[in-house]
Amino acid sequence: MIAIDTNLLVRYITNDDPLQARQALAVLAGREAVFVSRTVLLELEWMLRAAYELPREAIEHALLTILGLPSVVPEHPTQIALALEGYRQGLDFADALHYTGAEQARGLLTFDKKMLKRAREIGWRVLPVPGAGA
């Protein structure tokens, strides 16, 4: 198995450098398993949103496309699947990954009122920092 960096996935999704996109495709379509870490997915979502200004639906589609490739072996696939569900329901992808990565905790503390509201609406244990209100 080989691990890959975010830039391979960016080239594969955006085709903004045709040569590198073909090279990334060759790696992703190859016989060797390709490990994709949570941090690579986190950075990919950020790049597609911030640098390429793609809408949420296109980003979700890109993430699902990557994760659906036969060669891809994601880190903590159950956590990633739950994070994608949270993203689909309006949470930031980073916040959803933080939450799903803390599964052994009794909740996730935050000052982020928007996250608190949305997480509560979908039944996630996100809590305000004691003394911060919300």
Protein backbone atom coordinates (compact mmCIF):
# COMPACT_ATOMS: atom_id res chain seq x y z
CA MET A 1 0.00 0.00 0.00
CA ILE A 2 1.12 3.55 -0.76
CA ALA A 3 -0.13 6.74 0.93
CA ILE A 4 -0.84 9.82 -1.15
CA ASP A 5 -0.78 13.55 -0.57
CA THR A 6 -3.66 15.93 -1.15
CA ASN A 7 -2.19 17.36 -4.34
CA LEU A 8 -2.70 14.06 -6.20
CA LEU A 9 -6.40 14.15 -5.34
CA VAL A 10 -6.68 17.83 -6.29
CA ARG A 11 -5.14 17.09 -9.71
CA TYR A 12 -7.44 14.06 -10.15
CA ILE A 13 -10.59 16.03 -9.27
CA THR A 14 -9.85 19.37 -10.96
CA ASN A 15 -7.69 18.32 -13.94
CA ASP A 16 -6.06 21.75 -13.62
CA ASP A 17 -2.73 20.26 -14.72
CA PRO A 18 -3.53 17.65 -17.37
CA LEU A 19 -0.17 15.85 -17.12
CA GLN A 20 -0.33 15.57 -13.32
CA ALA A 21 -4.03 14.61 -13.54
CA ARG A 22 -3.09 11.68 -15.83
CA GLN A 23 -0.31 10.68 -13.43
CA ALA A 24 -2.68 10.87 -10.45
CA LEU A 25 -5.23 8.78 -12.36
CA ALA A 26 -2.56 6.17 -13.06
CA VAL A 27 -1.80 5.90 -9.33
CA LEU A 28 -5.47 5.77 -8.34
CA ALA A 29 -6.33 3.25 -11.08
CA GLY A 30 -3.27 1.11 -10.43
CA ARG A 31 -3.07 -2.26 -8.74
CA GLU A 32 -1.50 -1.00 -5.52
CA ALA A 33 -3.82 -0.01 -2.68
CA VAL A 34 -3.82 3.73 -1.99
CA PHE A 35 -4.11 4.90 1.62
CA VAL A 36 -5.98 8.21 2.08
CA SER A 37 -5.73 9.73 5.55
CA ARG A 38 -8.36 11.83 7.28
CA THR A 39 -6.01 14.82 7.14
CA VAL A 40 -5.67 14.46 3.35
CA LEU A 41 -9.47 14.48 3.02
CA LEU A 42 -9.66 17.47 5.36
CA GLU A 43 -7.16 19.40 3.27
CA LEU A 44 -8.86 18.31 0.03
CA GLU A 45 -12.22 19.67 1.18
CA TRP A 46 -10.56 22.94 2.22
CA MET A 47 -8.71 23.26 -1.11
CA LEU A 48 -11.82 22.59 -3.18
CA ARG A 49 -13.83 25.07 -1.12
CA ALA A 50 -11.29 27.86 -0.56
CA ALA A 51 -9.02 27.75 -3.59
CA TYR A 52 -11.35 26.32 -6.25
CA GLU A 53 -14.56 27.78 -4.79
CA LEU A 54 -16.58 24.65 -5.53
CA PRO A 55 -20.09 24.38 -4.03
CA ARG A 56 -20.80 21.90 -1.22
CA GLU A 57 -22.56 19.46 -3.53
CA ALA A 58 -19.57 19.28 -5.88
CA ILE A 59 -17.18 18.82 -2.95
CA GLU A 60 -19.31 16.05 -1.47
CA HIS A 61 -19.44 14.37 -4.89
CA ALA A 62 -15.64 14.65 -5.21
CA LEU A 63 -15.08 13.14 -1.76
CA LEU A 64 -17.50 10.28 -2.47
CA THR A 65 -15.86 9.68 -5.85
CA ILE A 66 -12.42 9.38 -4.26
CA LEU A 67 -13.68 7.14 -1.46
CA GLY A 68 -15.50 4.94 -3.97
CA LEU A 69 -12.42 4.11 -6.00
CA PRO A 70 -11.54 0.41 -5.70
CA SER A 71 -7.89 1.15 -4.88
CA VAL A 72 -8.61 3.65 -2.09
CA VAL A 73 -8.24 2.55 1.52
CA PRO A 74 -9.44 5.40 3.75
CA GLU A 75 -8.24 5.91 7.29
CA HIS A 76 -11.09 5.21 9.75
CA PRO A 77 -13.78 4.66 7.07
CA THR A 78 -16.64 4.56 9.59
CA GLN A 79 -15.64 7.95 11.02
CA ILE A 80 -15.28 9.40 7.52
CA ALA A 81 -18.71 8.08 6.51
CA LEU A 82 -20.28 9.68 9.61
CA ALA A 83 -18.41 12.93 8.97
CA LEU A 84 -19.75 12.98 5.40
CA GLU A 85 -23.26 12.50 6.78
CA GLY A 86 -22.73 15.48 9.10
CA TYR A 87 -21.38 17.50 6.17
CA ARG A 88 -24.43 16.53 4.11
CA GLN A 89 -26.60 17.82 6.96
CA GLY A 90 -24.92 21.22 7.08
CA LEU A 91 -21.87 20.90 9.32
CA ASP A 92 -18.44 22.02 8.19
CA PHE A 93 -16.45 18.99 7.06
CA ALA A 94 -13.62 19.82 9.46
CA ASP A 95 -16.03 20.08 12.41
CA ALA A 96 -17.64 16.79 11.43
CA LEU A 97 -14.24 15.07 11.26
CA HIS A 98 -13.26 16.51 14.65
CA TYR A 99 -16.46 15.17 16.15
CA THR A 100 -16.25 11.71 14.62
CA GLY A 101 -12.62 11.39 15.67
CA ALA A 102 -13.64 11.96 19.30
CA GLU A 103 -15.96 8.97 19.50
CA GLN A 104 -14.57 7.86 22.87
CA ALA A 105 -15.35 11.28 24.42
CA ARG A 106 -18.69 12.20 25.99
CA GLY A 107 -18.96 15.17 23.63
CA LEU A 108 -17.06 17.85 21.75
CA LEU A 109 -16.64 21.29 23.34
CA THR A 110 -16.73 24.36 21.12
CA PHE A 111 -17.27 28.11 21.11
CA ASP A 112 -18.78 27.82 17.58
CA LYS A 113 -22.47 28.68 18.01
CA LYS A 114 -23.35 27.77 14.44
CA MET A 115 -21.82 24.32 14.92
CA LEU A 116 -23.59 23.91 18.27
CA LYS A 117 -26.96 24.69 16.73
CA ARG A 118 -26.57 22.45 13.68
CA ALA A 119 -25.02 19.57 15.65
CA ARG A 120 -27.86 19.62 18.16
CA GLU A 121 -30.39 19.58 15.31
CA ILE A 122 -28.90 16.36 13.99
CA GLY A 123 -28.44 14.78 17.42
CA TRP A 124 -24.68 15.05 17.86
CA ARG A 125 -23.15 15.60 21.33
CA VAL A 126 -21.55 19.00 20.76
CA LEU A 127 -21.43 21.15 23.88
CA PRO A 128 -20.70 24.80 24.66
CA VAL A 129 -17.54 25.54 26.60
CA PRO A 130 -18.58 25.84 30.28
CA GLY A 131 -19.31 29.47 31.07
CA ALA A 132 -19.51 30.47 27.41
CA GLY A 133 -23.30 30.24 27.13
CA ALA A 134 -25.27 28.99 24.12
